[in-house]
Protein backbone atom coordinates (compact mmCIF):
# COMPACT_ATOMS: atom_id res chain seq x y z
CA GLU A 1 -18.17 39.86 -26.78
CA SER A 2 -14.52 40.52 -25.78
CA SER A 3 -15.40 39.71 -22.28
CA MET A 4 -16.93 36.50 -23.35
CA LYS A 5 -13.71 35.64 -25.35
CA HIS A 6 -11.80 36.51 -22.10
CA LEU A 7 -13.95 34.21 -20.10
CA PHE A 8 -13.54 31.37 -22.60
CA ALA A 9 -9.88 31.99 -22.63
CA SER A 10 -9.58 31.91 -18.96
CA THR A 11 -11.73 28.81 -18.70
CA ALA A 12 -9.59 27.07 -21.12
CA ALA A 13 -6.44 28.14 -19.40
CA LEU A 14 -7.84 26.66 -16.18
CA LEU A 15 -8.83 23.41 -17.68
CA LEU A 16 -5.44 23.10 -19.20
CA ALA A 17 -3.81 23.85 -15.76
CA ILE A 18 -5.98 21.33 -14.11
CA THR A 19 -5.21 18.69 -16.64
CA PHE A 20 -1.51 19.53 -16.44
CA GLN A 21 -1.57 19.18 -12.66
CA THR A 22 -3.46 15.89 -12.87
CA VAL A 23 -0.89 14.52 -15.08
CA HIS A 24 2.04 15.38 -13.10
CA ALA A 25 0.58 14.77 -9.76
CA GLU A 26 0.45 10.83 -10.30
CA ASN A 27 0.58 8.76 -7.17
CA PRO A 28 3.48 6.19 -7.25
CA LYS A 29 2.80 2.50 -7.74
CA VAL A 30 4.45 -0.56 -6.71
CA SER A 31 4.47 -4.05 -8.07
CA MET A 32 4.68 -6.70 -5.39
CA GLU A 33 5.62 -10.22 -6.60
CA THR A 34 4.65 -13.02 -4.34
CA SER A 35 4.89 -16.78 -4.44
CA LYS A 36 1.19 -16.64 -5.25
CA GLY A 37 1.47 -14.03 -7.99
CA ALA A 38 1.80 -10.37 -8.55
CA VAL A 39 -0.10 -7.56 -7.09
CA VAL A 40 0.11 -3.73 -8.16
CA ILE A 41 -0.62 -1.21 -5.48
CA GLU A 42 -1.16 2.57 -5.85
CA LEU A 43 0.27 4.61 -3.01
CA TYR A 44 -1.59 7.63 -1.81
CA ALA A 45 1.34 9.91 -1.38
CA ASP A 46 -1.20 12.97 -1.45
CA LYS A 47 -3.15 11.55 1.60
CA ALA A 48 -0.45 9.68 3.53
CA PRO A 49 2.83 11.45 2.64
CA VAL A 50 4.80 10.17 5.72
CA SER A 51 3.61 6.53 5.36
CA VAL A 52 4.14 6.39 1.76
CA GLU A 53 7.75 7.85 2.19
CA ASN A 54 8.52 5.47 4.73
CA PHE A 55 7.33 2.34 2.86
CA LEU A 56 9.08 3.50 -0.15
CA ARG A 57 12.36 3.72 1.73
CA TYR A 58 11.98 0.13 2.55
CA VAL A 59 11.04 -0.74 -0.96
CA ASN A 60 14.05 1.03 -2.33
CA ASP A 61 16.27 -0.66 0.13
CA ASN A 62 14.90 -4.05 -1.11
CA ALA A 63 14.11 -4.71 2.72
CA TYR A 64 10.86 -6.49 1.65
CA ASP A 65 12.49 -8.82 -0.73
CA GLY A 66 12.43 -12.29 0.70
CA THR A 67 10.02 -11.49 3.55
CA VAL A 68 6.78 -13.32 4.09
CA PHE A 69 3.12 -12.98 4.86
CA HIS A 70 3.34 -14.13 8.47
CA ARG A 71 -0.09 -13.44 9.71
CA VAL A 72 -3.19 -14.20 7.52
CA ILE A 73 -6.71 -14.32 8.98
CA LYS A 74 -9.52 -15.09 6.41
CA GLY A 75 -12.28 -12.54 6.47
CA PHE A 76 -9.94 -10.05 7.87
CA MET A 77 -6.39 -9.08 6.34
CA ASN A 78 -3.00 -10.49 5.23
CA GLN A 79 0.09 -8.93 7.18
CA GLY A 80 3.64 -9.19 6.00
CA GLY A 81 6.92 -7.26 5.52
CA GLY A 82 8.64 -7.86 8.84
CA PHE A 83 9.59 -11.56 9.01
CA THR A 84 11.90 -14.00 7.02
CA PRO A 85 10.87 -17.35 5.72
CA ASP A 86 12.11 -19.03 8.96
CA LEU A 87 9.95 -16.49 10.86
CA GLN A 88 12.77 -14.39 12.36
CA LYS A 89 11.81 -10.83 12.80
CA LYS A 90 13.65 -8.32 10.55
CA PRO A 91 14.80 -5.28 12.52
CA ALA A 92 13.26 -1.96 11.43
CA LYS A 93 15.82 0.14 9.56
CA TYR A 94 14.10 3.47 10.38
CA PRO A 95 12.37 5.05 13.30
CA PRO A 96 8.66 4.53 13.94
CA ILE A 97 6.45 7.02 11.97
CA LYS A 98 3.43 9.24 13.03
CA ASN A 99 0.04 7.89 12.69
CA GLU A 100 -1.84 9.54 9.50
CA ALA A 101 -5.10 7.49 10.11
CA ASP A 102 -7.11 10.75 10.37
CA ASN A 103 -6.39 11.41 6.50
CA GLY A 104 -9.87 10.42 5.66
CA LEU A 105 -9.10 7.08 4.10
CA LYS A 106 -10.94 4.03 5.19
CA ASN A 107 -9.75 0.44 5.84
CA LYS A 108 -11.82 -0.95 2.87
CA ARG A 109 -11.26 -4.15 1.03
CA GLY A 110 -8.08 -3.91 -1.03
CA THR A 111 -6.49 -1.12 0.76
CA ILE A 112 -3.13 -1.25 2.41
CA ALA A 113 -2.39 0.05 5.91
CA MET A 114 0.56 0.21 8.39
CA ALA A 115 0.73 -2.45 11.10
CA ARG A 116 1.77 -1.31 14.46
CA THR A 117 1.69 -1.98 18.27
CA ASN A 118 -0.86 -0.43 20.76
CA ASP A 119 1.11 2.79 20.45
CA PRO A 120 -0.60 4.71 17.57
CA ASN A 121 2.86 6.11 16.37
CA SER A 122 4.75 2.85 16.34
CA ALA A 123 4.50 1.73 12.61
CA THR A 124 7.85 0.75 11.13
CA ASN A 125 8.25 -1.90 8.19
CA GLN A 126 5.08 -4.13 8.66
CA PHE A 127 1.91 -3.66 6.56
CA PHE A 128 -1.32 -5.37 6.09
CA ILE A 129 -3.81 -5.54 3.17
CA ASN A 130 -7.44 -5.63 4.01
CA THR A 131 -9.40 -8.37 2.26
CA VAL A 132 -12.79 -7.22 3.57
CA ASP A 133 -14.08 -3.69 4.83
CA ASN A 134 -12.75 -3.27 8.32
CA ALA A 135 -14.45 -0.18 9.60
CA PHE A 136 -13.32 -0.90 13.24
CA LEU A 137 -9.82 -0.13 12.14
CA ASP A 138 -10.72 3.42 10.95
CA HIS A 139 -9.71 6.64 12.76
CA LYS A 140 -12.45 7.77 15.41
CA ASP A 141 -10.67 10.10 17.63
CA ARG A 142 -7.04 10.93 18.92
CA SER A 143 -7.19 8.59 21.89
CA THR A 144 -4.80 5.47 22.00
CA ARG A 145 -7.83 3.30 21.31
CA GLY A 146 -9.45 5.44 18.67
CA TRP A 147 -6.49 6.56 16.57
CA GLY A 148 -6.97 3.66 14.04
CA TYR A 149 -4.59 2.25 11.38
CA THR A 150 -3.23 4.43 8.60
CA VAL A 151 -4.43 3.47 5.07
CA PHE A 152 -1.68 4.55 2.62
CA GLY A 153 -2.62 2.88 -0.66
CA GLU A 154 -4.85 0.45 -2.55
CA VAL A 155 -4.38 -2.70 -4.81
CA THR A 156 -5.41 -1.72 -8.26
CA GLU A 157 -4.31 -5.05 -9.95
CA GLY A 158 -4.16 -8.68 -8.61
CA MET A 159 -6.71 -8.70 -5.76
CA GLU A 160 -7.41 -12.28 -6.56
CA VAL A 161 -3.80 -13.03 -5.34
CA MET A 162 -4.72 -11.49 -1.96
CA ASP A 163 -7.61 -13.66 -1.89
CA ALA A 164 -5.73 -16.81 -2.68
CA ILE A 165 -3.29 -15.87 0.16
CA ALA A 166 -6.40 -15.40 2.44
CA ALA A 167 -7.63 -18.76 1.54
CA THR A 168 -4.41 -20.62 2.59
CA ARG A 169 -4.52 -22.93 5.61
CA THR A 170 -3.05 -21.38 8.75
CA GLY A 171 -1.85 -22.68 12.29
CA PRO A 172 0.77 -22.22 14.84
CA ARG A 173 4.35 -21.81 13.55
CA GLY A 174 7.62 -20.38 14.85
CA PRO A 175 7.01 -17.84 17.70
CA PHE A 176 3.28 -17.60 16.75
CA ARG A 177 0.43 -19.44 18.27
CA SER A 178 -1.84 -19.16 15.30
CA ASP A 179 -2.54 -17.48 11.85
CA VAL A 180 0.57 -18.35 10.19
CA PRO A 181 0.30 -19.74 6.65
CA LEU A 182 1.28 -23.46 6.73
CA GLU A 183 2.80 -23.00 3.25
CA THR A 184 5.49 -20.24 3.04
CA ILE A 185 3.98 -17.19 1.25
CA GLU A 186 6.90 -15.26 0.16
CA ILE A 187 7.23 -11.53 -0.94
CA ILE A 188 9.72 -12.00 -3.59
CA SER A 189 10.23 -8.47 -4.28
CA ILE A 190 8.39 -5.05 -4.23
CA LYS A 191 9.53 -2.58 -7.04
CA VAL A 192 8.37 0.90 -7.88
CA VAL A 193 6.59 0.76 -11.17
CA ALA A 194 7.89 3.46 -13.60
CA THR A 195 5.25 6.11 -14.38
CA GLU A 196 6.96 7.84 -17.37
CA ALA A 197 5.28 7.75 -20.70
CA PRO A 198 6.61 4.93 -22.85
CA ALA A 199 8.92 6.19 -25.54
CA ALA A 200 7.56 6.60 -29.00
CA THR A 201 7.97 3.49 -31.12
CA GLU A 202 7.97 3.11 -34.92
CA GLU A 203 5.03 1.40 -36.35
CA PRO A 204 5.99 -1.83 -38.28
CA ALA A 205 5.90 -1.43 -42.07
CA LYS A 206 2.74 -2.91 -43.62
């Protein structure tokens, strides 16, 4: 009987530890305010720590505020974060980061991933949101062609805003020959959403 009690106590303690760990290991979230509406994105700091840290550095520097979605391809993705409304490229404030596309996350609809050049380890400030499943962007091997694009989060609220952006008319503008929204789609701000529990409030008297 005492061994059973001991087992129950151990199990209870383990469950408590798991619950406690889950509560305190919450992934950060950001709110992206665009000229088409707001989107909330959960960042997978546990799976893509380097990419999330890099993205949050730009967020906390307000570096994305007043940038645009400069490349929008319906049935593919919406890319932004690196150009001003008059399509001037914003210089990257921090060095390029290592590619984390081998983290098991897939480029599924609603996920956010780092944009880069042909060099797998060249991502800086630009990102894109997949508006459909894009398996061809996933990590296949460690070759230059097979590295893939690092997924580091997912839209949890406001995917209809991304769909509205995807539906916008595009064409040549500024330095680009195609795929630029003909109306400016601005990223007004990206801010970290507070994850603390709300303070207790008194119930109004009945």
